[in-house]
Amino acid sequence: MEFSSKLLENAVNEMSQLPGIGKRTALRLVLHLLRQPKEQTLDFTKALNTMRSEIKLCKSCHNISDTDICDICANPNRTENIVCVVEDIRDVMAIENTSSFKGLYHVLGGKISPMDGIGPNELNIYSLVEKVKQGRISELIFALGSTMEGDTTNFYIYKQIQGCDVKTSTIARGISVGNELEYTDEVTLGRSIINRIPFEASLKS
């Protein structure tokens, strides 16, 4: 792809690094920004810069937040002792959209995947285990995707908290094996949360 401007080429190269964005789509987006009023483009870049420099991770659940404690953890109407374990922020958003869960979350930041060099130490697992050992959680809901990595992560956490006084459950398998939560429709995901089953039972299936 030939460019008449090095500035345009640099902008397209940066835009094409986004997931699912090829060079042609990146060019179309950059040209669209050039056609917009300059103030609108500046607002766009300012929003990205502000997000990147000021966004935080909740100190309690590791969810993305504007403050040290996210709005979900700070909400007094949430059930504090029921915690749903998810992979990332997209899963929190997916479950929240179902309006079926009123507890809190714990965002792991990924799944155990030895092939990708991701072990327990790279995830927010030990802070979760510590919450359980402190007796702050009465039920832990495993809501990772139905993949080998998800099941491995669930089982690792389960083994870490064995002997603790906590109920463990997993979302019902209305979600197809191999699917990620973010791509599951809200009705199916909501029913999976409501109809969750004891984690021990999932080990036998």
Protein backbone atom coordinates (compact mmCIF):
# COMPACT_ATOMS: atom_id res chain seq x y z
CA MET A 1 0.00 0.00 0.00
CA GLU A 2 1.54 3.28 -1.17
CA PHE A 3 1.02 6.46 0.85
CA SER A 4 1.42 10.03 -0.28
CA SER A 5 2.09 11.11 3.29
CA LYS A 6 4.38 9.63 5.91
CA LEU A 7 2.11 11.06 8.63
CA LEU A 8 -0.86 9.25 7.10
CA GLU A 9 1.13 6.03 6.82
CA ASN A 10 2.19 6.21 10.49
CA ALA A 11 -1.42 6.79 11.58
CA VAL A 12 -2.64 3.83 9.51
CA ASN A 13 0.11 1.58 10.87
CA GLU A 14 -0.86 2.45 14.45
CA MET A 15 -4.59 1.98 13.78
CA SER A 16 -4.01 -1.40 12.11
CA GLN A 17 -2.52 -2.74 15.36
CA LEU A 18 -6.03 -2.85 16.84
CA PRO A 19 -7.66 -6.33 16.92
CA GLY A 20 -9.55 -7.14 13.72
CA ILE A 21 -8.36 -4.02 11.93
CA GLY A 22 -6.44 -4.58 8.71
CA LYS A 23 -4.56 -1.95 6.71
CA ARG A 24 -7.51 -1.12 4.44
CA THR A 25 -9.92 -0.71 7.34
CA ALA A 26 -7.31 1.33 9.21
CA LEU A 27 -6.93 3.62 6.19
CA ARG A 28 -10.70 4.10 5.98
CA LEU A 29 -10.88 4.99 9.69
CA VAL A 30 -7.96 7.41 9.51
CA LEU A 31 -9.41 9.15 6.45
CA HIS A 32 -12.75 9.40 8.28
CA LEU A 33 -10.99 11.15 11.18
CA LEU A 34 -9.34 13.55 8.74
CA ARG A 35 -12.74 14.49 7.32
CA GLN A 36 -14.17 15.28 10.76
CA PRO A 37 -13.85 18.71 12.38
CA LYS A 38 -10.44 19.05 14.01
CA GLU A 39 -12.04 19.52 17.45
CA GLN A 40 -13.82 16.16 17.17
CA THR A 41 -10.57 14.35 16.40
CA LEU A 42 -8.85 16.13 19.29
CA ASP A 43 -11.69 15.07 21.63
CA PHE A 44 -11.25 11.49 20.44
CA THR A 45 -7.50 11.43 21.06
CA LYS A 46 -7.94 13.22 24.39
CA ALA A 47 -10.43 10.58 25.55
CA LEU A 48 -7.95 7.82 24.69
CA ASN A 49 -5.04 9.60 26.40
CA THR A 50 -7.10 10.31 29.51
CA MET A 51 -8.32 6.71 29.69
CA ARG A 52 -4.80 5.34 29.30
CA SER A 53 -3.26 7.60 31.94
CA GLU A 54 -6.04 7.70 34.55
CA ILE A 55 -7.87 4.37 34.43
CA LYS A 56 -7.43 2.13 37.48
CA LEU A 57 -7.98 -1.46 38.55
CA CYS A 58 -10.35 -1.94 41.48
CA LYS A 59 -8.30 -2.84 44.57
CA SER A 60 -10.96 -5.33 45.62
CA CYS A 61 -12.01 -7.20 42.48
CA HIS A 62 -9.47 -6.05 39.82
CA ASN A 63 -12.23 -4.74 37.57
CA ILE A 64 -11.44 -1.69 35.43
CA SER A 65 -12.55 1.43 37.28
CA ASP A 66 -12.24 5.21 37.51
CA THR A 67 -11.67 4.97 41.26
CA ASP A 68 -9.76 2.71 43.68
CA ILE A 69 -12.97 0.75 44.39
CA CYS A 70 -15.28 0.13 41.43
CA ASP A 71 -18.98 1.03 41.43
CA ILE A 72 -20.01 -2.63 41.75
CA CYS A 73 -17.89 -3.30 44.85
CA ALA A 74 -18.97 0.03 46.35
CA ASN A 75 -22.68 -0.67 45.83
CA PRO A 76 -24.26 -1.47 49.24
CA ASN A 77 -27.11 -3.31 47.52
CA ARG A 78 -24.82 -6.04 46.18
CA THR A 79 -24.48 -9.37 48.01
CA GLU A 80 -20.90 -9.13 49.27
CA ASN A 81 -20.31 -12.76 50.19
CA ILE A 82 -21.21 -14.25 46.78
CA VAL A 83 -18.38 -13.78 44.28
CA CYS A 84 -18.40 -14.60 40.59
CA VAL A 85 -14.97 -15.45 39.17
CA VAL A 86 -14.46 -14.23 35.59
CA GLU A 87 -11.60 -13.90 33.14
CA ASP A 88 -11.79 -10.19 32.30
CA ILE A 89 -13.85 -7.00 32.14
CA ARG A 90 -15.80 -8.19 29.08
CA ASP A 91 -17.23 -11.05 31.12
CA VAL A 92 -18.29 -8.68 33.91
CA MET A 93 -20.12 -6.57 31.34
CA ALA A 94 -21.75 -9.64 29.75
CA ILE A 95 -23.07 -10.93 33.09
CA GLU A 96 -24.18 -7.47 34.25
CA ASN A 97 -26.20 -7.11 31.04
CA THR A 98 -28.28 -10.14 32.08
CA SER A 99 -29.41 -8.42 35.34
CA SER A 100 -29.38 -11.92 36.87
CA PHE A 101 -26.49 -11.57 39.31
CA LYS A 102 -26.42 -9.30 42.36
CA GLY A 103 -23.18 -10.42 43.99
CA LEU A 104 -19.63 -9.21 43.46
CA TYR A 105 -16.94 -10.23 40.98
CA HIS A 106 -13.30 -11.24 40.96
CA VAL A 107 -11.48 -10.60 37.69
CA LEU A 108 -8.57 -12.98 37.15
CA GLY A 109 -7.08 -11.10 34.21
CA GLY A 110 -6.79 -14.25 32.10
CA LYS A 111 -6.73 -18.05 32.32
CA ILE A 112 -3.98 -20.52 33.14
CA SER A 113 -2.38 -21.45 29.83
CA PRO A 114 1.06 -23.12 29.98
CA MET A 115 1.28 -23.04 26.16
CA ASP A 116 1.14 -19.24 26.33
CA GLY A 117 3.39 -19.01 29.37
CA ILE A 118 0.54 -17.94 31.67
CA GLY A 119 0.66 -19.55 35.09
CA PRO A 120 -1.14 -18.84 38.38
CA ASN A 121 1.42 -16.17 39.32
CA GLU A 122 0.44 -14.08 36.29
CA LEU A 123 -3.22 -13.99 37.34
CA ASN A 124 -5.19 -12.48 40.25
CA ILE A 125 -5.67 -15.88 41.88
CA TYR A 126 -3.94 -15.54 45.24
CA SER A 127 -5.89 -12.42 46.26
CA LEU A 128 -9.06 -14.45 45.64
CA VAL A 129 -7.78 -17.38 47.68
CA GLU A 130 -6.92 -14.98 50.49
CA LYS A 131 -10.49 -13.60 50.50
CA VAL A 132 -11.82 -17.14 50.83
CA LYS A 133 -9.42 -18.02 53.64
CA GLN A 134 -10.44 -14.87 55.51
CA GLY A 135 -14.04 -16.10 55.48
CA ARG A 136 -15.29 -13.17 53.42
CA ILE A 137 -16.93 -15.40 50.79
CA SER A 138 -19.75 -17.90 51.31
CA GLU A 139 -20.11 -18.91 47.65
CA LEU A 140 -17.68 -18.82 44.76
CA ILE A 141 -19.18 -19.04 41.27
CA PHE A 142 -16.78 -20.15 38.54
CA ALA A 143 -17.83 -18.33 35.37
CA LEU A 144 -14.93 -18.90 33.01
CA GLY A 145 -15.48 -20.00 29.43
CA SER A 146 -15.98 -23.71 28.74
CA THR A 147 -12.49 -24.22 27.37
CA MET A 148 -9.62 -26.44 28.50
CA GLU A 149 -7.84 -23.37 29.92
CA GLY A 150 -11.01 -22.25 31.71
CA ASP A 151 -11.56 -25.68 33.26
CA THR A 152 -7.89 -25.88 34.28
CA THR A 153 -8.12 -22.50 36.00
CA ASN A 154 -11.35 -23.43 37.77
CA PHE A 155 -9.82 -26.67 39.05
CA TYR A 156 -6.62 -24.96 40.21
CA ILE A 157 -8.58 -22.43 42.29
CA TYR A 158 -10.83 -25.20 43.60
CA LYS A 159 -7.80 -27.14 44.84
CA GLN A 160 -6.36 -24.02 46.48
CA ILE A 161 -9.47 -23.46 48.60
CA GLN A 162 -10.24 -27.06 49.54
CA GLY A 163 -10.84 -27.27 53.28
CA CYS A 164 -12.24 -23.74 53.44
CA ASP A 165 -15.83 -23.14 54.48
CA VAL A 166 -17.07 -21.95 51.08
CA LYS A 167 -19.62 -23.26 48.61
CA THR A 168 -18.35 -23.59 45.03
CA SER A 169 -20.55 -23.63 41.97
CA THR A 170 -20.15 -23.19 38.24
CA ILE A 171 -22.46 -21.66 35.68
CA ALA A 172 -24.74 -24.21 34.01
CA ARG A 173 -23.46 -25.66 30.77
CA GLY A 174 -26.09 -23.97 28.64
CA ILE A 175 -23.00 -22.36 27.13
CA SER A 176 -21.43 -24.42 24.35
CA VAL A 177 -18.10 -26.05 25.15
CA GLY A 178 -15.29 -23.95 23.71
CA ASN A 179 -17.31 -20.72 23.71
CA GLU A 180 -16.29 -17.49 25.44
CA LEU A 181 -18.76 -15.70 27.71
CA GLU A 182 -18.66 -12.43 25.81
CA TYR A 183 -20.15 -14.10 22.70
CA THR A 184 -23.00 -15.80 24.58
CA ASP A 185 -26.49 -14.30 24.31
CA GLU A 186 -27.82 -12.60 27.44
CA VAL A 187 -30.74 -14.99 28.01
CA THR A 188 -28.53 -18.10 27.93
CA LEU A 189 -25.89 -16.45 30.12
CA GLY A 190 -28.50 -15.23 32.60
CA ARG A 191 -30.02 -18.71 32.89
CA SER A 192 -26.55 -20.19 33.38
CA ILE A 193 -25.95 -17.89 36.36
CA ILE A 194 -29.35 -18.61 37.92
CA ASN A 195 -29.11 -22.38 37.32
CA ARG A 196 -25.51 -22.74 38.47
CA ILE A 197 -24.48 -26.14 39.80
CA PRO A 198 -22.04 -27.28 42.52
CA PHE A 199 -18.52 -27.23 41.14
CA GLU A 200 -17.90 -30.81 42.33
CA ALA A 201 -20.73 -31.96 40.07
CA SER A 202 -19.09 -30.37 37.05
CA LEU A 203 -15.96 -32.47 37.63
CA LYS A 204 -17.99 -35.64 37.06
CA SER A 205 -19.57 -34.54 33.79
